[in-house]
Amino acid sequence: MVELGQKVKDNITGFAGIATAKCEYLNGCISIQVKPIKLTKEGKMIEAEWIDEQQLIITSRATVGGPQDIPSELSRP
């Protein structure tokens, strides 16, 4: 099961990026929005794609926004 924030790759096309959104349909199909990390040769962003969850391979965990623990060296006594 793909979790938001994970790096994923489409098993069929090779399209890769970070899972940024999830959509579950009434028929049970789950689609994941994958936002590429790389830019085009011109330095422009590539649009995200919606891919069926069954086609995706989890490649690694990404560290993206949201609440996170404060490192102990930065926390106040």
C-alpha atoms as a PDB file:
ATOM      1  CA  MET A   1       0.000   0.000   0.000  1.00  0.00           C
ATOM      2  CA  VAL A   2       1.396   3.341  -1.075  1.00  0.00           C
ATOM      3  CA  GLU A   3       1.558   6.089   1.558  1.00  0.00           C
ATOM      4  CA  LEU A   4       1.707   9.766   0.738  1.00  0.00           C
ATOM      5  CA  GLY A   5       5.279  11.042   0.769  1.00  0.00           C
ATOM      6  CA  GLN A   6       6.819   7.816  -0.533  1.00  0.00           C
ATOM      7  CA  LYS A   7       8.936   7.791  -3.657  1.00  0.00           C
ATOM      8  CA  VAL A   8       7.294   5.546  -6.247  1.00  0.00           C
ATOM      9  CA  LYS A   9       7.807   4.344  -9.813  1.00  0.00           C
ATOM     10  CA  ASP A  10       5.263   3.182 -12.392  1.00  0.00           C
ATOM     11  CA  ASN A  11       6.052  -0.461 -13.185  1.00  0.00           C
ATOM     12  CA  ILE A  12       4.840  -0.039 -16.788  1.00  0.00           C
ATOM     13  CA  THR A  13       6.049   3.390 -17.970  1.00  0.00           C
ATOM     14  CA  GLY A  14       8.927   4.107 -15.578  1.00  0.00           C
ATOM     15  CA  PHE A  15       7.361   7.444 -14.543  1.00  0.00           C
ATOM     16  CA  ALA A  16       8.755   8.228 -11.068  1.00  0.00           C
ATOM     17  CA  GLY A  17       8.236  10.773  -8.318  1.00  0.00           C
ATOM     18  CA  ILE A  18       6.624  11.343  -4.934  1.00  0.00           C
ATOM     19  CA  ALA A  19       3.085  10.215  -4.040  1.00  0.00           C
ATOM     20  CA  THR A  20       1.307  13.503  -3.267  1.00  0.00           C
ATOM     21  CA  ALA A  21      -2.418  12.619  -3.346  1.00  0.00           C
ATOM     22  CA  LYS A  22      -4.717   9.596  -3.198  1.00  0.00           C
ATOM     23  CA  CYS A  23      -8.167   9.069  -4.731  1.00  0.00           C
ATOM     24  CA  GLU A  24     -10.445   6.116  -3.974  1.00  0.00           C
ATOM     25  CA  TYR A  25     -13.374   5.511  -6.326  1.00  0.00           C
ATOM     26  CA  LEU A  26     -16.715   3.869  -5.528  1.00  0.00           C
ATOM     27  CA  ASN A  27     -15.690   0.774  -7.500  1.00  0.00           C
ATOM     28  CA  GLY A  28     -12.660   0.284  -5.218  1.00  0.00           C
ATOM     29  CA  CYS A  29      -9.998   1.515  -7.636  1.00  0.00           C
ATOM     30  CA  ILE A  30      -7.291   3.572  -5.918  1.00  0.00           C
ATOM     31  CA  SER A  31      -5.267   6.110  -7.907  1.00  0.00           C
ATOM     32  CA  ILE A  32      -2.166   7.882  -6.649  1.00  0.00           C
ATOM     33  CA  GLN A  33      -0.985  11.263  -7.913  1.00  0.00           C
ATOM     34  CA  VAL A  34       2.742  11.099  -8.630  1.00  0.00           C
ATOM     35  CA  LYS A  35       4.677  14.382  -8.800  1.00  0.00           C
ATOM     36  CA  PRO A  36       8.053  14.074 -10.565  1.00  0.00           C
ATOM     37  CA  ILE A  37      11.182  15.261  -8.775  1.00  0.00           C
ATOM     38  CA  LYS A  38      13.115  16.126 -11.934  1.00  0.00           C
ATOM     39  CA  LEU A  39      12.618  19.130 -14.207  1.00  0.00           C
ATOM     40  CA  THR A  40      12.567  19.308 -17.997  1.00  0.00           C
ATOM     41  CA  LYS A  41      15.725  20.255 -19.906  1.00  0.00           C
ATOM     42  CA  GLU A  42      14.393  23.817 -19.951  1.00  0.00           C
ATOM     43  CA  GLY A  43      14.114  23.822 -16.138  1.00  0.00           C
ATOM     44  CA  LYS A  44      10.313  23.668 -16.063  1.00  0.00           C
ATOM     45  CA  MET A  45       8.228  21.454 -13.794  1.00  0.00           C
ATOM     46  CA  ILE A  46       6.669  18.291 -15.209  1.00  0.00           C
ATOM     47  CA  GLU A  47       2.958  17.845 -14.488  1.00  0.00           C
ATOM     48  CA  ALA A  48       1.881  15.194 -12.001  1.00  0.00           C
ATOM     49  CA  GLU A  49       0.169  12.028 -13.251  1.00  0.00           C
ATOM     50  CA  TRP A  50      -2.579   9.873 -11.701  1.00  0.00           C
ATOM     51  CA  ILE A  51      -1.541   6.204 -11.698  1.00  0.00           C
ATOM     52  CA  ASP A  52      -3.381   3.103 -10.429  1.00  0.00           C
ATOM     53  CA  GLU A  53      -1.886   1.980  -7.125  1.00  0.00           C
ATOM     54  CA  GLN A  54      -1.349  -1.611  -8.387  1.00  0.00           C
ATOM     55  CA  GLN A  55       1.111  -0.323 -11.017  1.00  0.00           C
ATOM     56  CA  LEU A  56       3.349   1.462  -8.527  1.00  0.00           C
ATOM     57  CA  ILE A  57       6.536   0.194  -6.933  1.00  0.00           C
ATOM     58  CA  ILE A  58       7.685   1.903  -3.726  1.00  0.00           C
ATOM     59  CA  THR A  59      11.333   2.898  -4.237  1.00  0.00           C
ATOM     60  CA  SER A  60      12.041   4.740  -0.967  1.00  0.00           C
ATOM     61  CA  ARG A  61      10.642   6.955   1.736  1.00  0.00           C
ATOM     62  CA  ALA A  62      10.673  10.693   1.025  1.00  0.00           C
ATOM     63  CA  THR A  63      11.017  13.368   3.659  1.00  0.00           C
ATOM     64  CA  VAL A  64       8.397  15.963   2.846  1.00  0.00           C
ATOM     65  CA  GLY A  65       6.542  18.674   4.803  1.00  0.00           C
ATOM     66  CA  GLY A  66       4.169  18.216   7.672  1.00  0.00           C
ATOM     67  CA  PRO A  67       4.694  17.851  11.407  1.00  0.00           C
ATOM     68  CA  GLN A  68       8.019  16.344  12.366  1.00  0.00           C
ATOM     69  CA  ASP A  69       9.923  15.779  15.611  1.00  0.00           C
ATOM     70  CA  ILE A  70      12.302  18.545  16.641  1.00  0.00           C
ATOM     71  CA  PRO A  71      15.910  17.301  16.817  1.00  0.00           C
ATOM     72  CA  SER A  72      17.043  17.022  20.451  1.00  0.00           C
ATOM     73  CA  GLU A  73      19.910  19.508  19.964  1.00  0.00           C
ATOM     74  CA  LEU A  74      17.362  22.174  18.954  1.00  0.00           C
ATOM     75  CA  SER A  75      14.765  21.556  21.646  1.00  0.00           C
ATOM     76  CA  ARG A  76      14.679  23.715  24.765  1.00  0.00           C
ATOM     77  CA  PRO A  77      15.500  22.211  28.190  1.00  0.00           C
END
